[in-house]
Every structure is written in structure tokens, then in C-alpha cells.
Amino acid sequence: MTEFLIFISAVGIVFFLGLQSLSVNSGHKILAAVNSLVIGTLNLILLKSVPNIETWQATIAYLVGGPVGITLAIYLHPKIARILYK
């Protein structure tokens, strides 16, 4: 369960950091503000989970989360922005 929580948190943090960057660069102020709250929440979850990394699976979950998160952010940002800013 810790590995899954670490993976989801890592994906989420990098996803929302990527979404944050894309939103700021595109001038999407509301989306950027909401992202900030989500990033803070996911950071708290990750910071509480990472000290429990005791297995190689948890380390892999943490490392794989970043590439998955940024790829999702690049793919989904235009779709999210289109929905929110019609």
C-alpha cells in the first residue's frame, strides 16, 4: 500500500507541477491557483510516505511517478484548459 501511495503522490505532484507551469505560461490564473493547493496537499502526503521507503518497489514507484506525471500533464493540459476556458 505504501508503494501505491508513493507512486500516486509522485505522479500527482509532477502532473500538477507540469500543469502549473503550462497554466502559468498560458495565463490560466484560476487553474494555476487551484493547482497550488493540490501540489501542497500531495507534497504533504508524499513527505509522510517517503520516510517509509524500505523496499526497492517503493523506490521504483517514486522514480517512475515523475515521468508518468509530466507525460500526463503535457497530454491533458490542452483538454483541461479547453473545458475550463470555453
N, C-alpha and C. Protein backbone atom coordinates (compact mmCIF):
# COMPACT_ATOMS: atom_id res chain seq x y z
N MET A 1 0.82 -1.19 0.00
CA MET A 1 0.00 0.00 0.00
C MET A 1 0.86 1.25 0.00
N THR A 2 1.97 1.24 0.72
CA THR A 2 2.87 2.40 0.75
C THR A 2 3.42 2.68 -0.64
N GLU A 3 3.76 1.63 -1.38
CA GLU A 3 4.29 1.82 -2.74
C GLU A 3 3.26 2.51 -3.63
N PHE A 4 2.01 2.10 -3.52
CA PHE A 4 0.95 2.70 -4.33
C PHE A 4 0.76 4.17 -3.95
N LEU A 5 0.75 4.47 -2.67
CA LEU A 5 0.60 5.85 -2.20
C LEU A 5 1.77 6.72 -2.66
N ILE A 6 2.97 6.18 -2.60
CA ILE A 6 4.14 6.92 -3.08
C ILE A 6 4.05 7.16 -4.58
N PHE A 7 3.66 6.14 -5.33
CA PHE A 7 3.54 6.29 -6.79
C PHE A 7 2.49 7.34 -7.14
N ILE A 8 1.31 7.23 -6.55
CA ILE A 8 0.23 8.18 -6.85
C ILE A 8 0.63 9.60 -6.45
N SER A 9 1.27 9.75 -5.32
CA SER A 9 1.71 11.08 -4.89
C SER A 9 2.76 11.65 -5.83
N ALA A 10 3.73 10.82 -6.24
CA ALA A 10 4.77 11.28 -7.16
C ALA A 10 4.19 11.66 -8.51
N VAL A 11 3.29 10.82 -9.03
CA VAL A 11 2.62 11.14 -10.29
C VAL A 11 1.86 12.45 -10.14
N GLY A 12 1.10 12.56 -9.06
CA GLY A 12 0.29 13.75 -8.84
C GLY A 12 1.09 15.02 -8.72
N ILE A 13 2.16 14.97 -7.94
CA ILE A 13 2.98 16.17 -7.76
C ILE A 13 3.57 16.61 -9.09
N VAL A 14 4.17 15.71 -9.82
CA VAL A 14 4.80 16.10 -11.09
C VAL A 14 3.73 16.49 -12.10
N PHE A 15 2.59 15.80 -12.11
CA PHE A 15 1.50 16.17 -13.00
C PHE A 15 1.05 17.60 -12.73
N PHE A 16 0.78 17.91 -11.47
CA PHE A 16 0.28 19.24 -11.15
C PHE A 16 1.36 20.31 -11.25
N LEU A 17 2.62 19.97 -11.02
CA LEU A 17 3.70 20.93 -11.27
C LEU A 17 3.81 21.24 -12.76
N GLY A 18 3.70 20.20 -13.60
CA GLY A 18 3.71 20.41 -15.04
C GLY A 18 2.50 21.20 -15.50
N LEU A 19 1.34 20.85 -14.97
CA LEU A 19 0.11 21.58 -15.28
C LEU A 19 0.23 23.03 -14.82
N GLN A 20 0.84 23.23 -13.66
CA GLN A 20 1.06 24.58 -13.13
C GLN A 20 1.92 25.40 -14.09
N SER A 21 3.01 24.84 -14.53
CA SER A 21 3.90 25.54 -15.46
C SER A 21 3.18 25.88 -16.76
N LEU A 22 2.48 24.91 -17.32
CA LEU A 22 1.75 25.14 -18.56
C LEU A 22 0.64 26.17 -18.36
N SER A 23 -0.02 26.14 -17.21
CA SER A 23 -1.10 27.09 -16.93
C SER A 23 -0.57 28.51 -16.77
N VAL A 24 0.53 28.66 -16.04
CA VAL A 24 1.13 29.98 -15.86
C VAL A 24 1.59 30.53 -17.20
N ASN A 25 2.26 29.71 -17.99
CA ASN A 25 2.74 30.16 -19.29
C ASN A 25 1.60 30.50 -20.25
N SER A 26 0.43 29.91 -20.03
CA SER A 26 -0.73 30.17 -20.89
C SER A 26 -1.65 31.25 -20.30
N GLY A 27 -1.32 31.75 -19.12
CA GLY A 27 -2.13 32.79 -18.50
C GLY A 27 -3.41 32.29 -17.85
N HIS A 28 -3.48 31.01 -17.50
CA HIS A 28 -4.67 30.45 -16.86
C HIS A 28 -4.55 30.60 -15.35
N LYS A 29 -4.96 31.74 -14.84
CA LYS A 29 -4.75 32.10 -13.43
C LYS A 29 -5.52 31.21 -12.46
N ILE A 30 -6.77 30.93 -12.76
CA ILE A 30 -7.59 30.12 -11.84
C ILE A 30 -7.04 28.70 -11.74
N LEU A 31 -6.72 28.12 -12.88
CA LEU A 31 -6.17 26.77 -12.88
C LEU A 31 -4.84 26.74 -12.12
N ALA A 32 -4.02 27.77 -12.29
CA ALA A 32 -2.74 27.82 -11.58
C ALA A 32 -2.96 27.93 -10.07
N ALA A 33 -3.94 28.70 -9.64
CA ALA A 33 -4.20 28.86 -8.21
C ALA A 33 -4.70 27.55 -7.59
N VAL A 34 -5.60 26.88 -8.27
CA VAL A 34 -6.12 25.60 -7.77
C VAL A 34 -4.99 24.56 -7.72
N ASN A 35 -4.14 24.56 -8.75
CA ASN A 35 -3.00 23.63 -8.78
C ASN A 35 -2.13 23.79 -7.54
N SER A 36 -1.94 25.01 -7.12
CA SER A 36 -1.08 25.27 -5.96
C SER A 36 -1.58 24.54 -4.73
N LEU A 37 -2.88 24.57 -4.51
CA LEU A 37 -3.46 23.86 -3.36
C LEU A 37 -3.27 22.35 -3.48
N VAL A 38 -3.46 21.83 -4.67
CA VAL A 38 -3.30 20.38 -4.88
C VAL A 38 -1.84 19.96 -4.69
N ILE A 39 -0.92 20.76 -5.21
CA ILE A 39 0.51 20.46 -5.07
C ILE A 39 0.89 20.40 -3.60
N GLY A 40 0.43 21.36 -2.81
CA GLY A 40 0.72 21.37 -1.38
C GLY A 40 0.19 20.14 -0.68
N THR A 41 -1.03 19.76 -1.00
CA THR A 41 -1.65 18.57 -0.39
C THR A 41 -0.87 17.30 -0.73
N LEU A 42 -0.54 17.14 -2.02
CA LEU A 42 0.20 15.95 -2.43
C LEU A 42 1.61 15.92 -1.84
N ASN A 43 2.23 17.08 -1.69
CA ASN A 43 3.54 17.14 -1.05
C ASN A 43 3.47 16.65 0.39
N LEU A 44 2.43 17.04 1.11
CA LEU A 44 2.28 16.56 2.49
C LEU A 44 2.14 15.04 2.53
N ILE A 45 1.34 14.49 1.63
CA ILE A 45 1.17 13.03 1.58
C ILE A 45 2.50 12.35 1.27
N LEU A 46 3.22 12.88 0.28
CA LEU A 46 4.50 12.28 -0.10
C LEU A 46 5.53 12.38 1.01
N LEU A 47 5.60 13.54 1.64
CA LEU A 47 6.58 13.72 2.72
C LEU A 47 6.32 12.79 3.90
N LYS A 48 5.07 12.44 4.11
CA LYS A 48 4.75 11.50 5.19
C LYS A 48 5.00 10.05 4.77
N SER A 49 4.98 9.78 3.47
CA SER A 49 5.14 8.42 2.96
C SER A 49 6.59 8.05 2.70
N VAL A 50 7.38 8.99 2.22
CA VAL A 50 8.75 8.69 1.80
C VAL A 50 9.63 8.16 2.93
N PRO A 51 9.50 8.64 4.16
CA PRO A 51 10.34 8.04 5.21
C PRO A 51 10.10 6.54 5.39
N ASN A 52 8.99 6.05 4.87
CA ASN A 52 8.68 4.63 4.99
C ASN A 52 9.22 3.81 3.82
N ILE A 53 10.00 4.43 2.93
CA ILE A 53 10.55 3.67 1.81
C ILE A 53 11.56 2.67 2.36
N GLU A 54 11.20 1.41 2.27
CA GLU A 54 12.08 0.36 2.77
C GLU A 54 12.32 -0.72 1.72
N THR A 55 11.63 -0.61 0.58
CA THR A 55 11.76 -1.65 -0.43
C THR A 55 12.19 -1.03 -1.75
N TRP A 56 12.73 -1.86 -2.61
CA TRP A 56 13.11 -1.37 -3.93
C TRP A 56 11.87 -1.03 -4.74
N GLN A 57 10.74 -1.68 -4.44
CA GLN A 57 9.50 -1.38 -5.15
C GLN A 57 9.03 0.05 -4.85
N ALA A 58 9.18 0.47 -3.62
CA ALA A 58 8.80 1.84 -3.24
C ALA A 58 9.71 2.85 -3.94
N THR A 59 10.97 2.54 -4.04
CA THR A 59 11.90 3.43 -4.73
C THR A 59 11.54 3.53 -6.21
N ILE A 60 11.25 2.41 -6.84
CA ILE A 60 10.84 2.40 -8.25
C ILE A 60 9.54 3.17 -8.42
N ALA A 61 8.59 2.99 -7.50
CA ALA A 61 7.31 3.70 -7.58
C ALA A 61 7.53 5.20 -7.55
N TYR A 62 8.44 5.65 -6.70
CA TYR A 62 8.75 7.07 -6.60
C TYR A 62 9.41 7.58 -7.89
N LEU A 63 10.37 6.83 -8.40
CA LEU A 63 11.12 7.27 -9.59
C LEU A 63 10.27 7.24 -10.86
N VAL A 64 9.38 6.27 -10.99
CA VAL A 64 8.54 6.15 -12.19
C VAL A 64 7.41 7.18 -12.16
N GLY A 65 7.02 7.61 -10.98
CA GLY A 65 5.93 8.58 -10.87
C GLY A 65 6.18 9.87 -11.62
N GLY A 66 7.41 10.36 -11.62
CA GLY A 66 7.73 11.62 -12.29
C GLY A 66 7.48 11.61 -13.79
N PRO A 67 8.09 10.67 -14.51
CA PRO A 67 7.85 10.62 -15.96
C PRO A 67 6.39 10.40 -16.33
N VAL A 68 5.69 9.59 -15.55
CA VAL A 68 4.27 9.37 -15.82
C VAL A 68 3.49 10.67 -15.60
N GLY A 69 3.80 11.37 -14.52
CA GLY A 69 3.10 12.61 -14.20
C GLY A 69 3.29 13.69 -15.24
N ILE A 70 4.51 13.92 -15.69
CA ILE A 70 4.75 15.01 -16.65
C ILE A 70 4.17 14.66 -18.02
N THR A 71 4.23 13.39 -18.39
CA THR A 71 3.64 12.98 -19.67
C THR A 71 2.13 13.22 -19.66
N LEU A 72 1.48 12.88 -18.55
CA LEU A 72 0.04 13.12 -18.43
C LEU A 72 -0.27 14.62 -18.46
N ALA A 73 0.55 15.42 -17.81
CA ALA A 73 0.31 16.87 -17.78
C ALA A 73 0.38 17.47 -19.18
N ILE A 74 1.39 17.08 -19.94
CA ILE A 74 1.55 17.61 -21.30
C ILE A 74 0.38 17.17 -22.18
N TYR A 75 -0.07 15.96 -22.00
CA TYR A 75 -1.18 15.45 -22.81
C TYR A 75 -2.52 16.07 -22.41
N LEU A 76 -2.76 16.21 -21.10
CA LEU A 76 -4.08 16.63 -20.63
C LEU A 76 -4.28 18.14 -20.51
N HIS A 77 -3.20 18.92 -20.41
CA HIS A 77 -3.37 20.36 -20.23
C HIS A 77 -4.26 21.01 -21.28
N PRO A 78 -4.04 20.77 -22.57
CA PRO A 78 -4.92 21.42 -23.55
C PRO A 78 -6.39 21.02 -23.40
N LYS A 79 -6.63 19.79 -23.02
CA LYS A 79 -8.00 19.32 -22.84
C LYS A 79 -8.65 19.96 -21.62
N ILE A 80 -7.91 20.05 -20.52
CA ILE A 80 -8.43 20.68 -19.30
C ILE A 80 -8.68 22.16 -19.54
N ALA A 81 -7.73 22.83 -20.16
CA ALA A 81 -7.88 24.26 -20.43
C ALA A 81 -9.07 24.52 -21.35
N ARG A 82 -9.26 23.67 -22.33
CA ARG A 82 -10.39 23.83 -23.26
C ARG A 82 -11.71 23.71 -22.51
N ILE A 83 -11.80 22.78 -21.57
CA ILE A 83 -13.03 22.60 -20.79
C ILE A 83 -13.28 23.79 -19.87
N LEU A 84 -12.24 24.24 -19.18
CA LEU A 84 -12.38 25.30 -18.19
C LEU A 84 -12.52 26.70 -18.81
N TYR A 85 -11.94 26.90 -19.97
CA TYR A 85 -11.89 28.24 -20.56
C TYR A 85 -12.60 28.31 -21.89
N LYS A 86 -13.76 27.68 -22.00
CA LYS A 86 -14.56 27.73 -23.23
C LYS A 86 -14.99 29.14 -23.52
